[in-house]
């Protein structure tokens, strides 16, 4: 009996494949679990998907050289949250901007090839110094990674800024997201 000693190489991550930007259609594929493989990191589906595109993602940029993401959301007056937050005084809920930053940290971990489902684990400090109104045109999310752990625990720690039409209005430090192969005990 002969034994074949060849080993199958693990599939290359999208990072290793040199994929450094993503369209809305690709982000929607991620929300369906089609981008990083079954059981791995997913983005939420609309209406909770808080970005239209990732214009830049890398694993060696940013202030700490650990990676960065630049993503955008187009603002139109008919976005769902303006009707309910608040009637007569429409403003995008700040928690959606915070969630978008967590979404991007989890996306980064999947893009790097980390296995498991993403879960937000915390944030150091969040500051709001402005608001997103229906008259705005574009929200930009800037995420800079401080640390990426890829052992038994896969976790990203990053700082983020939310800009509306080029003006910084939210900031968050120490955004933490982990990837979990089993979330039943989480």
N, C-alpha and C. Protein backbone atom coordinates (compact mmCIF):
# COMPACT_ATOMS: atom_id res chain seq x y z
N UNK A 1 0.84 -1.17 0.00
CA UNK A 1 0.00 0.00 0.00
C UNK A 1 0.89 1.24 0.00
N UNK A 2 0.58 2.17 -0.82
CA UNK A 2 1.35 3.41 -0.90
C UNK A 2 0.59 4.53 -0.20
N UNK A 3 1.35 5.33 0.47
CA UNK A 3 0.74 6.48 1.15
C UNK A 3 1.23 7.74 0.45
N UNK A 4 0.31 8.56 0.11
CA UNK A 4 0.66 9.83 -0.53
C UNK A 4 0.96 10.84 0.58
N UNK A 5 2.18 11.31 0.62
CA UNK A 5 2.60 12.23 1.68
C UNK A 5 2.43 13.70 1.30
N UNK A 6 1.80 13.98 0.20
CA UNK A 6 1.61 15.39 -0.16
C UNK A 6 0.59 16.01 0.77
N UNK A 7 0.82 17.23 1.11
CA UNK A 7 -0.12 17.94 1.98
C UNK A 7 -0.80 19.03 1.17
N UNK A 8 -2.03 19.22 1.50
CA UNK A 8 -2.79 20.28 0.84
C UNK A 8 -2.44 21.60 1.53
N UNK A 9 -2.06 22.57 0.75
CA UNK A 9 -1.79 23.89 1.31
C UNK A 9 -3.11 24.54 1.68
N UNK A 10 -3.10 25.26 2.77
CA UNK A 10 -4.30 26.00 3.17
C UNK A 10 -4.58 27.05 2.10
N UNK A 11 -5.85 27.31 1.83
CA UNK A 11 -6.16 28.33 0.84
C UNK A 11 -5.61 29.68 1.29
N UNK A 12 -5.18 30.46 0.34
CA UNK A 12 -4.65 31.78 0.66
C UNK A 12 -5.77 32.70 1.14
N UNK A 13 -5.48 33.50 2.14
CA UNK A 13 -6.46 34.50 2.58
C UNK A 13 -6.56 35.58 1.50
N UNK A 14 -7.62 36.38 1.57
CA UNK A 14 -7.75 37.48 0.62
C UNK A 14 -6.63 38.48 0.78
N UNK A 15 -6.10 38.61 1.98
CA UNK A 15 -4.92 39.45 2.22
C UNK A 15 -3.74 38.90 1.42
N UNK A 16 -3.49 37.60 1.54
CA UNK A 16 -2.37 36.97 0.84
C UNK A 16 -2.57 36.98 -0.67
N UNK A 17 -3.83 37.03 -1.11
CA UNK A 17 -4.13 37.10 -2.54
C UNK A 17 -3.98 38.51 -3.10
N UNK A 18 -3.75 39.49 -2.22
CA UNK A 18 -3.57 40.86 -2.68
C UNK A 18 -4.86 41.61 -2.97
N UNK A 19 -5.93 41.26 -2.27
CA UNK A 19 -7.22 41.94 -2.43
C UNK A 19 -7.28 43.09 -1.42
N UNK A 20 -7.22 44.34 -1.91
CA UNK A 20 -7.08 45.49 -1.03
C UNK A 20 -8.25 46.49 -1.09
N UNK A 21 -9.35 46.12 -1.73
CA UNK A 21 -10.56 46.94 -1.73
C UNK A 21 -11.76 46.02 -2.02
N UNK A 22 -12.95 46.48 -1.62
CA UNK A 22 -14.14 45.66 -1.75
C UNK A 22 -15.33 46.53 -2.15
N UNK A 23 -16.12 46.03 -3.08
CA UNK A 23 -17.32 46.72 -3.54
C UNK A 23 -18.50 46.38 -2.64
N UNK A 24 -19.60 47.08 -2.83
CA UNK A 24 -20.83 46.78 -2.09
C UNK A 24 -21.26 45.33 -2.33
N UNK A 25 -21.18 44.87 -3.57
CA UNK A 25 -21.57 43.50 -3.89
C UNK A 25 -20.71 42.49 -3.13
N UNK A 26 -19.42 42.75 -3.02
CA UNK A 26 -18.54 41.85 -2.28
C UNK A 26 -18.84 41.89 -0.79
N UNK A 27 -19.20 43.06 -0.26
CA UNK A 27 -19.57 43.16 1.15
C UNK A 27 -20.87 42.41 1.42
N UNK A 28 -21.80 42.47 0.47
CA UNK A 28 -23.04 41.70 0.61
C UNK A 28 -22.75 40.20 0.57
N UNK A 29 -21.80 39.78 -0.27
CA UNK A 29 -21.39 38.37 -0.30
C UNK A 29 -20.82 37.97 1.06
N UNK A 30 -20.08 38.88 1.69
CA UNK A 30 -19.54 38.61 3.03
C UNK A 30 -20.68 38.44 4.03
N UNK A 31 -21.74 39.23 3.90
CA UNK A 31 -22.87 39.11 4.83
C UNK A 31 -23.59 37.77 4.66
N UNK A 32 -23.48 37.18 3.49
CA UNK A 32 -24.09 35.86 3.25
C UNK A 32 -23.14 34.71 3.59
N UNK A 33 -21.94 35.03 4.05
CA UNK A 33 -20.97 34.00 4.41
C UNK A 33 -20.20 33.44 3.24
N UNK A 34 -20.19 34.14 2.12
CA UNK A 34 -19.56 33.64 0.90
C UNK A 34 -18.13 34.13 0.69
N UNK A 35 -17.67 35.10 1.46
CA UNK A 35 -16.37 35.70 1.19
C UNK A 35 -15.23 34.98 1.89
N UNK A 36 -15.40 34.64 3.16
CA UNK A 36 -14.33 34.03 3.95
C UNK A 36 -14.56 32.56 4.23
N UNK A 37 -15.62 32.00 3.70
CA UNK A 37 -15.90 30.58 3.91
C UNK A 37 -16.92 30.36 5.02
N UNK A 38 -17.59 29.24 4.93
CA UNK A 38 -18.65 28.89 5.88
C UNK A 38 -18.11 28.85 7.31
N UNK A 39 -18.88 29.46 8.22
CA UNK A 39 -18.51 29.46 9.63
C UNK A 39 -17.49 30.50 10.02
N UNK A 40 -17.07 31.32 9.07
CA UNK A 40 -16.07 32.35 9.35
C UNK A 40 -16.71 33.74 9.37
N UNK A 41 -15.89 34.73 9.57
CA UNK A 41 -16.34 36.10 9.76
C UNK A 41 -17.33 36.54 8.67
N UNK A 42 -18.41 37.16 9.12
CA UNK A 42 -19.42 37.71 8.23
C UNK A 42 -19.72 39.14 8.64
N UNK A 43 -20.12 39.94 7.67
CA UNK A 43 -20.70 41.24 7.96
C UNK A 43 -22.20 41.06 8.14
N UNK A 44 -22.86 41.99 8.84
CA UNK A 44 -24.31 41.89 8.92
C UNK A 44 -24.96 42.19 7.57
N UNK A 45 -26.17 41.74 7.41
CA UNK A 45 -26.94 42.03 6.19
C UNK A 45 -27.54 43.43 6.30
N UNK A 46 -27.93 44.00 5.17
CA UNK A 46 -28.67 45.26 5.26
C UNK A 46 -29.92 45.01 6.11
N UNK A 47 -30.36 45.84 6.93
CA UNK A 47 -30.02 47.23 7.06
C UNK A 47 -28.85 47.48 8.02
N UNK A 48 -28.34 46.50 8.67
CA UNK A 48 -27.27 46.72 9.65
C UNK A 48 -25.87 46.81 9.02
N UNK A 49 -25.73 46.49 7.76
CA UNK A 49 -24.44 46.68 7.08
C UNK A 49 -24.23 48.18 6.94
N UNK A 50 -23.20 48.70 7.57
CA UNK A 50 -23.04 50.15 7.70
C UNK A 50 -21.97 50.73 6.79
N UNK A 51 -21.65 50.04 5.69
CA UNK A 51 -20.70 50.59 4.73
C UNK A 51 -21.10 50.15 3.33
N UNK A 52 -20.75 50.97 2.35
CA UNK A 52 -21.03 50.65 0.95
C UNK A 52 -19.81 50.10 0.23
N UNK A 53 -18.64 50.39 0.74
CA UNK A 53 -17.42 49.91 0.09
C UNK A 53 -16.24 50.06 1.05
N UNK A 54 -15.25 49.23 0.84
CA UNK A 54 -13.95 49.38 1.51
C UNK A 54 -12.99 49.84 0.42
N UNK A 55 -12.51 51.06 0.55
CA UNK A 55 -11.65 51.62 -0.50
C UNK A 55 -10.18 51.27 -0.30
N UNK A 56 -9.83 50.92 0.95
CA UNK A 56 -8.44 50.53 1.22
C UNK A 56 -8.40 49.63 2.44
N UNK A 57 -7.65 48.54 2.32
CA UNK A 57 -7.39 47.67 3.46
C UNK A 57 -5.98 47.12 3.27
N UNK A 58 -5.19 47.18 4.32
CA UNK A 58 -3.84 46.60 4.26
C UNK A 58 -3.45 46.13 5.64
N UNK A 59 -2.41 45.32 5.69
CA UNK A 59 -1.97 44.75 6.98
C UNK A 59 -0.64 45.31 7.45
N UNK A 60 -0.18 46.41 6.85
CA UNK A 60 1.10 46.98 7.28
C UNK A 60 1.07 48.50 7.37
N UNK A 61 -0.08 49.11 7.19
CA UNK A 61 -0.18 50.56 7.26
C UNK A 61 -0.68 51.02 8.61
N UNK A 62 -1.04 52.28 8.64
CA UNK A 62 -1.56 52.86 9.87
C UNK A 62 -0.44 53.31 10.80
N UNK A 63 -0.83 54.00 11.82
CA UNK A 63 0.10 54.59 12.78
C UNK A 63 1.04 53.57 13.42
N UNK A 64 0.57 52.34 13.63
CA UNK A 64 1.36 51.32 14.32
C UNK A 64 1.94 50.27 13.37
N UNK A 65 1.67 50.42 12.07
CA UNK A 65 2.18 49.48 11.09
C UNK A 65 1.55 48.10 11.15
N UNK A 66 0.37 47.99 11.79
CA UNK A 66 -0.31 46.70 11.96
C UNK A 66 -1.49 46.52 11.00
N UNK A 67 -1.82 47.59 10.25
CA UNK A 67 -2.92 47.51 9.30
C UNK A 67 -3.89 48.66 9.46
N UNK A 68 -4.65 48.89 8.39
CA UNK A 68 -5.63 49.96 8.40
C UNK A 68 -6.74 49.65 7.40
N UNK A 69 -7.88 50.28 7.63
CA UNK A 69 -9.02 50.16 6.73
C UNK A 69 -9.61 51.56 6.53
N UNK A 70 -10.00 51.83 5.30
CA UNK A 70 -10.74 53.04 4.96
C UNK A 70 -12.00 52.58 4.24
N UNK A 71 -13.16 52.87 4.82
CA UNK A 71 -14.44 52.44 4.25
C UNK A 71 -15.39 53.63 4.19
N UNK A 72 -16.41 53.50 3.34
CA UNK A 72 -17.34 54.61 3.13
C UNK A 72 -18.79 54.14 3.12
N UNK A 73 -19.66 55.05 3.55
CA UNK A 73 -21.11 54.86 3.48
C UNK A 73 -21.70 56.11 2.83
N UNK A 74 -22.45 55.93 1.75
CA UNK A 74 -23.13 57.04 1.11
C UNK A 74 -24.39 57.37 1.91
N UNK A 75 -24.59 58.65 2.19
CA UNK A 75 -25.76 59.08 2.96
C UNK A 75 -26.81 59.64 2.00
N UNK A 76 -28.02 59.15 2.16
CA UNK A 76 -29.18 59.68 1.44
C UNK A 76 -30.29 59.88 2.46
N UNK A 77 -31.17 60.86 2.23
CA UNK A 77 -32.22 61.13 3.22
C UNK A 77 -33.18 59.97 3.45
N UNK A 78 -33.22 58.99 2.55
CA UNK A 78 -34.16 57.88 2.70
C UNK A 78 -33.59 56.69 3.47
N UNK A 79 -32.42 56.81 4.06
CA UNK A 79 -31.88 55.71 4.88
C UNK A 79 -32.83 55.43 6.05
N UNK A 80 -32.99 54.15 6.38
CA UNK A 80 -34.02 53.69 7.31
C UNK A 80 -34.00 54.36 8.67
N UNK A 81 -32.83 54.67 9.20
CA UNK A 81 -32.75 55.18 10.57
C UNK A 81 -33.22 56.63 10.69
N UNK A 82 -33.21 57.39 9.60
CA UNK A 82 -33.65 58.78 9.68
C UNK A 82 -35.14 58.91 9.99
N UNK A 83 -35.94 57.91 9.59
CA UNK A 83 -37.39 57.96 9.86
C UNK A 83 -37.72 57.73 11.33
N UNK A 84 -36.88 57.00 12.04
CA UNK A 84 -37.23 56.64 13.42
C UNK A 84 -36.31 57.26 14.47
N UNK A 85 -35.25 57.90 14.08
CA UNK A 85 -34.28 58.45 15.04
C UNK A 85 -33.91 59.86 14.60
N UNK A 86 -34.58 60.82 14.89
CA UNK A 86 -35.82 60.97 15.66
C UNK A 86 -36.85 61.59 14.73
N UNK A 87 -38.14 61.26 14.87
CA UNK A 87 -39.16 61.91 14.04
C UNK A 87 -39.10 63.43 14.21
N UNK A 88 -38.95 64.11 13.09
CA UNK A 88 -38.84 65.57 13.13
C UNK A 88 -37.45 66.09 13.42
N UNK A 89 -36.53 65.25 13.82
CA UNK A 89 -35.15 65.63 14.15
C UNK A 89 -34.21 64.50 13.72
N UNK A 90 -34.16 64.18 12.42
CA UNK A 90 -33.44 62.99 11.96
C UNK A 90 -31.92 63.10 12.12
N UNK A 91 -31.36 62.06 12.71
CA UNK A 91 -29.91 61.96 12.89
C UNK A 91 -29.55 60.47 12.92
N UNK A 92 -28.43 60.12 12.30
CA UNK A 92 -27.98 58.72 12.35
C UNK A 92 -27.59 58.39 13.78
N UNK A 93 -28.08 57.29 14.34
CA UNK A 93 -27.70 56.91 15.70
C UNK A 93 -26.18 56.70 15.81
N UNK A 94 -25.60 57.28 16.83
CA UNK A 94 -24.16 57.13 17.04
C UNK A 94 -23.73 55.69 17.22
N UNK A 95 -24.61 54.87 17.80
CA UNK A 95 -24.27 53.46 18.00
C UNK A 95 -24.06 52.74 16.68
N UNK A 96 -24.68 53.21 15.59
CA UNK A 96 -24.47 52.57 14.29
C UNK A 96 -23.06 52.86 13.76
N UNK A 97 -22.55 54.04 14.03
CA UNK A 97 -21.16 54.35 13.66
C UNK A 97 -20.18 53.50 14.45
N UNK A 98 -20.46 53.31 15.74
CA UNK A 98 -19.62 52.45 16.57
C UNK A 98 -19.68 51.02 16.06
N UNK A 99 -20.88 50.54 15.75
CA UNK A 99 -21.02 49.18 15.24
C UNK A 99 -20.28 49.02 13.92
N UNK A 100 -20.32 50.04 13.06
CA UNK A 100 -19.59 49.97 11.79
C UNK A 100 -18.11 49.75 12.03
N UNK A 101 -17.57 50.42 13.04
CA UNK A 101 -16.14 50.25 13.33
C UNK A 101 -15.86 48.82 13.79
N UNK A 102 -16.72 48.26 14.65
CA UNK A 102 -16.56 46.86 15.05
C UNK A 102 -16.69 45.93 13.84
N UNK A 103 -17.66 46.22 12.95
CA UNK A 103 -17.82 45.42 11.74
C UNK A 103 -16.51 45.37 10.95
N UNK A 104 -15.86 46.51 10.83
CA UNK A 104 -14.63 46.59 10.04
C UNK A 104 -13.47 45.86 10.71
N UNK A 105 -13.39 45.90 12.03
CA UNK A 105 -12.34 45.15 12.73
C UNK A 105 -12.53 43.65 12.49
N UNK A 106 -13.77 43.18 12.59
CA UNK A 106 -14.05 41.76 12.32
C UNK A 106 -13.78 41.39 10.87
N UNK A 107 -14.13 42.28 9.95
CA UNK A 107 -13.85 42.03 8.53
C UNK A 107 -12.35 41.86 8.30
N UNK A 108 -11.56 42.73 8.92
CA UNK A 108 -10.10 42.67 8.79
C UNK A 108 -9.57 41.30 9.21
N UNK A 109 -10.07 40.80 10.33
CA UNK A 109 -9.61 39.50 10.83
C UNK A 109 -9.95 38.38 9.85
N UNK A 110 -11.14 38.42 9.26
CA UNK A 110 -11.51 37.45 8.24
C UNK A 110 -10.67 37.60 6.98
N UNK A 111 -10.42 38.82 6.58
CA UNK A 111 -9.59 39.12 5.41
C UNK A 111 -8.18 38.57 5.58
N UNK A 112 -7.69 38.60 6.83
CA UNK A 112 -6.35 38.06 7.13
C UNK A 112 -6.35 36.53 7.19
N UNK A 113 -7.53 35.91 7.10
CA UNK A 113 -7.60 34.45 7.12
C UNK A 113 -7.93 33.85 8.46
N UNK A 114 -8.26 34.69 9.45
CA UNK A 114 -8.61 34.18 10.77
C UNK A 114 -9.89 33.37 10.73
N UNK A 115 -9.92 32.20 11.37
CA UNK A 115 -11.12 31.36 11.38
C UNK A 115 -12.08 31.75 12.51
N UNK A 116 -13.35 31.58 12.26
CA UNK A 116 -14.34 31.79 13.31
C UNK A 116 -15.28 32.95 13.02
N UNK A 117 -16.29 33.05 13.87
CA UNK A 117 -17.32 34.08 13.75
C UNK A 117 -16.93 35.27 14.61
N UNK A 118 -17.13 36.46 14.09
CA UNK A 118 -16.74 37.67 14.80
C UNK A 118 -17.72 38.08 15.87
N UNK A 119 -17.16 38.53 16.99
CA UNK A 119 -17.96 39.08 18.09
C UNK A 119 -17.24 40.30 18.66
N UNK A 120 -17.99 41.39 18.83
CA UNK A 120 -17.43 42.57 19.48
C UNK A 120 -17.14 42.24 20.93
N UNK A 121 -15.97 42.65 21.40
CA UNK A 121 -15.55 42.34 22.78
C UNK A 121 -15.41 43.57 23.66
N UNK A 122 -15.49 44.74 23.07
CA UNK A 122 -15.40 45.93 23.90
C UNK A 122 -14.80 47.10 23.17
N UNK A 123 -14.72 48.19 23.90
CA UNK A 123 -14.14 49.42 23.38
C UNK A 123 -13.60 50.19 24.58
N UNK A 124 -12.51 50.88 24.38
CA UNK A 124 -11.93 51.66 25.47
C UNK A 124 -12.72 52.91 25.76
N UNK A 125 -12.75 53.82 24.80
CA UNK A 125 -13.42 55.11 24.99
C UNK A 125 -14.04 55.53 23.66
N UNK A 126 -15.24 56.08 23.73
CA UNK A 126 -15.93 56.59 22.55
C UNK A 126 -16.27 58.05 22.81
N UNK A 127 -16.00 58.89 21.80
CA UNK A 127 -16.34 60.32 21.90
C UNK A 127 -17.15 60.72 20.67
N UNK A 128 -18.21 61.47 20.91
CA UNK A 128 -19.04 62.02 19.84
C UNK A 128 -18.88 63.54 19.86
N UNK A 129 -18.48 64.10 18.73
CA UNK A 129 -18.29 65.55 18.65
C UNK A 129 -19.07 66.15 17.48
N UNK A 130 -19.96 65.37 16.90
CA UNK A 130 -20.76 65.84 15.77
C UNK A 130 -21.84 64.83 15.47
N UNK A 131 -22.57 65.06 14.38
CA UNK A 131 -23.69 64.19 14.03
C UNK A 131 -23.77 64.00 12.52
N UNK A 132 -24.50 62.96 12.13
CA UNK A 132 -24.71 62.67 10.72
C UNK A 132 -26.18 62.94 10.41
N UNK A 133 -26.40 63.94 9.59
CA UNK A 133 -27.75 64.37 9.23
C UNK A 133 -28.10 63.89 7.82
N UNK A 134 -29.39 63.90 7.45
CA UNK A 134 -29.79 63.46 6.11
C UNK A 134 -29.20 64.32 4.99
N UNK A 135 -28.72 65.50 5.32
CA UNK A 135 -28.13 66.40 4.32
C UNK A 135 -26.67 66.04 4.02
N UNK A 136 -26.08 65.18 4.81
CA UNK A 136 -24.69 64.76 4.58
C UNK A 136 -24.60 63.94 3.29
N UNK A 137 -23.40 63.84 2.76
CA UNK A 137 -23.18 63.07 1.53
C UNK A 137 -22.45 61.76 1.78
N UNK A 138 -21.42 61.78 2.64
CA UNK A 138 -20.61 60.57 2.79
C UNK A 138 -20.03 60.47 4.19
N UNK A 139 -20.09 59.25 4.73
CA UNK A 139 -19.43 58.91 5.99
C UNK A 139 -18.19 58.10 5.64
N UNK A 140 -17.09 58.43 6.29
CA UNK A 140 -15.83 57.70 6.09
C UNK A 140 -15.41 57.11 7.43
N UNK A 141 -15.07 55.83 7.40
CA UNK A 141 -14.57 55.14 8.59
C UNK A 141 -13.08 54.90 8.41
N UNK A 142 -12.30 55.29 9.40
CA UNK A 142 -10.85 55.08 9.36
C UNK A 142 -10.47 54.23 10.58
N UNK A 143 -9.96 53.05 10.30
CA UNK A 143 -9.59 52.11 11.36
C UNK A 143 -8.09 51.88 11.28
N UNK A 144 -7.41 52.02 12.41
CA UNK A 144 -5.97 51.78 12.50
C UNK A 144 -5.72 50.71 13.55
N UNK A 145 -5.07 49.64 13.15
CA UNK A 145 -4.85 48.51 14.06
C UNK A 145 -3.64 48.76 14.95
N UNK A 146 -3.83 48.42 16.23
CA UNK A 146 -2.77 48.52 17.23
C UNK A 146 -2.16 47.16 17.50
N UNK A 147 -3.00 46.13 17.41
CA UNK A 147 -2.54 44.77 17.71
C UNK A 147 -3.45 43.77 17.01
N UNK A 148 -2.84 42.73 16.46
CA UNK A 148 -3.59 41.62 15.87
C UNK A 148 -3.02 40.34 16.46
N UNK A 149 -3.87 39.59 17.14
CA UNK A 149 -3.46 38.32 17.77
C UNK A 149 -4.01 37.20 16.90
N UNK A 150 -3.15 36.28 16.50
CA UNK A 150 -3.58 35.18 15.65
C UNK A 150 -3.02 33.87 16.19
N UNK A 151 -3.51 33.50 17.37
CA UNK A 151 -3.13 32.22 17.99
C UNK A 151 -4.41 31.43 18.20
N UNK A 152 -4.51 30.78 19.35
CA UNK A 152 -5.78 30.10 19.67
C UNK A 152 -6.90 31.13 19.68
N UNK A 153 -6.61 32.28 20.24
CA UNK A 153 -7.52 33.42 20.20
C UNK A 153 -7.14 34.28 19.00
N UNK A 154 -8.11 34.61 18.17
CA UNK A 154 -7.91 35.55 17.08
C UNK A 154 -8.63 36.83 17.48
N UNK A 155 -7.87 37.93 17.62
CA UNK A 155 -8.47 39.17 18.08
C UNK A 155 -7.76 40.36 17.46
N UNK A 156 -8.54 41.38 17.14
CA UNK A 156 -7.98 42.64 16.67
C UNK A 156 -8.29 43.74 17.65
N UNK A 157 -7.33 44.63 17.84
CA UNK A 157 -7.50 45.81 18.68
C UNK A 157 -7.13 47.01 17.82
N UNK A 158 -8.05 47.96 17.71
CA UNK A 158 -7.85 49.07 16.79
C UNK A 158 -8.46 50.35 17.34
N UNK A 159 -8.01 51.46 16.80
CA UNK A 159 -8.63 52.76 17.05
C UNK A 159 -9.38 53.14 15.78
N UNK A 160 -10.44 53.92 15.94
CA UNK A 160 -11.23 54.30 14.78
C UNK A 160 -11.72 55.73 14.86
N UNK A 161 -11.95 56.29 13.68
CA UNK A 161 -12.51 57.63 13.54
C UNK A 161 -13.63 57.56 12.50
N UNK A 162 -14.73 58.25 12.78
CA UNK A 162 -15.82 58.39 11.83
C UNK A 162 -15.84 59.85 11.38
N UNK A 163 -15.83 60.04 10.06
CA UNK A 163 -15.90 61.39 9.50
C UNK A 163 -17.19 61.53 8.70
N UNK A 164 -17.77 62.71 8.72
CA UNK A 164 -18.89 63.02 7.83
C UNK A 164 -18.45 64.17 6.93
N UNK A 165 -18.50 63.93 5.64
CA UNK A 165 -18.08 64.91 4.63
C UNK A 165 -16.72 65.51 4.97
N UNK A 166 -15.79 64.65 5.41
CA UNK A 166 -14.41 65.05 5.67
C UNK A 166 -14.14 65.59 7.06
N UNK A 167 -15.16 65.70 7.91
CA UNK A 167 -14.98 66.25 9.26
C UNK A 167 -15.09 65.15 10.30
N UNK A 168 -14.05 64.95 11.14
CA UNK A 168 -14.13 63.92 12.19
C UNK A 168 -15.23 64.26 13.20
N UNK A 169 -16.08 63.25 13.49
CA UNK A 169 -17.18 63.48 14.44
C UNK A 169 -17.29 62.43 15.54
N UNK A 170 -16.72 61.24 15.35
CA UNK A 170 -16.69 60.22 16.41
C UNK A 170 -15.27 59.68 16.44
N UNK A 171 -14.86 59.26 17.62
CA UNK A 171 -13.60 58.52 17.73
C UNK A 171 -13.79 57.42 18.77
N UNK A 172 -13.06 56.34 18.55
CA UNK A 172 -13.11 55.21 19.48
C UNK A 172 -11.71 54.65 19.63
N UNK A 173 -11.34 54.33 20.87
CA UNK A 173 -10.04 53.71 21.12
C UNK A 173 -10.26 52.26 21.55
N UNK A 174 -9.28 51.45 21.25
CA UNK A 174 -9.26 50.05 21.70
C UNK A 174 -10.54 49.28 21.34
N UNK A 175 -10.98 49.42 20.09
CA UNK A 175 -12.07 48.57 19.59
C UNK A 175 -11.56 47.15 19.57
N UNK A 176 -12.30 46.23 20.19
CA UNK A 176 -11.86 44.83 20.27
C UNK A 176 -12.90 43.92 19.63
N UNK A 177 -12.42 43.06 18.73
CA UNK A 177 -13.26 42.04 18.11
C UNK A 177 -12.48 40.74 18.13
N UNK A 178 -13.16 39.65 18.48
CA UNK A 178 -12.55 38.32 18.46
C UNK A 178 -13.28 37.43 17.48
N UNK A 179 -12.58 36.40 17.00
CA UNK A 179 -13.19 35.37 16.16
C UNK A 179 -13.29 34.10 16.98
N UNK A 180 -14.46 33.46 16.94
CA UNK A 180 -14.72 32.28 17.74
C UNK A 180 -15.21 31.15 16.85
N UNK A 181 -14.57 29.98 16.97
CA UNK A 181 -15.00 28.80 16.21
C UNK A 181 -16.29 28.23 16.79
N UNK A 182 -16.50 28.42 18.09
CA UNK A 182 -17.72 27.94 18.75
C UNK A 182 -18.29 29.09 19.58
N UNK A 183 -19.48 29.54 19.23
CA UNK A 183 -20.09 30.66 19.96
C UNK A 183 -21.20 30.21 20.90
N UNK A 184 -21.38 28.90 21.08
CA UNK A 184 -22.48 28.43 21.93
C UNK A 184 -22.27 28.80 23.40
N UNK A 185 -21.03 28.87 23.85
CA UNK A 185 -20.76 29.19 25.25
C UNK A 185 -20.40 30.66 25.43
N UNK A 186 -20.52 31.44 24.39
CA UNK A 186 -20.12 32.86 24.44
C UNK A 186 -21.19 33.66 25.13
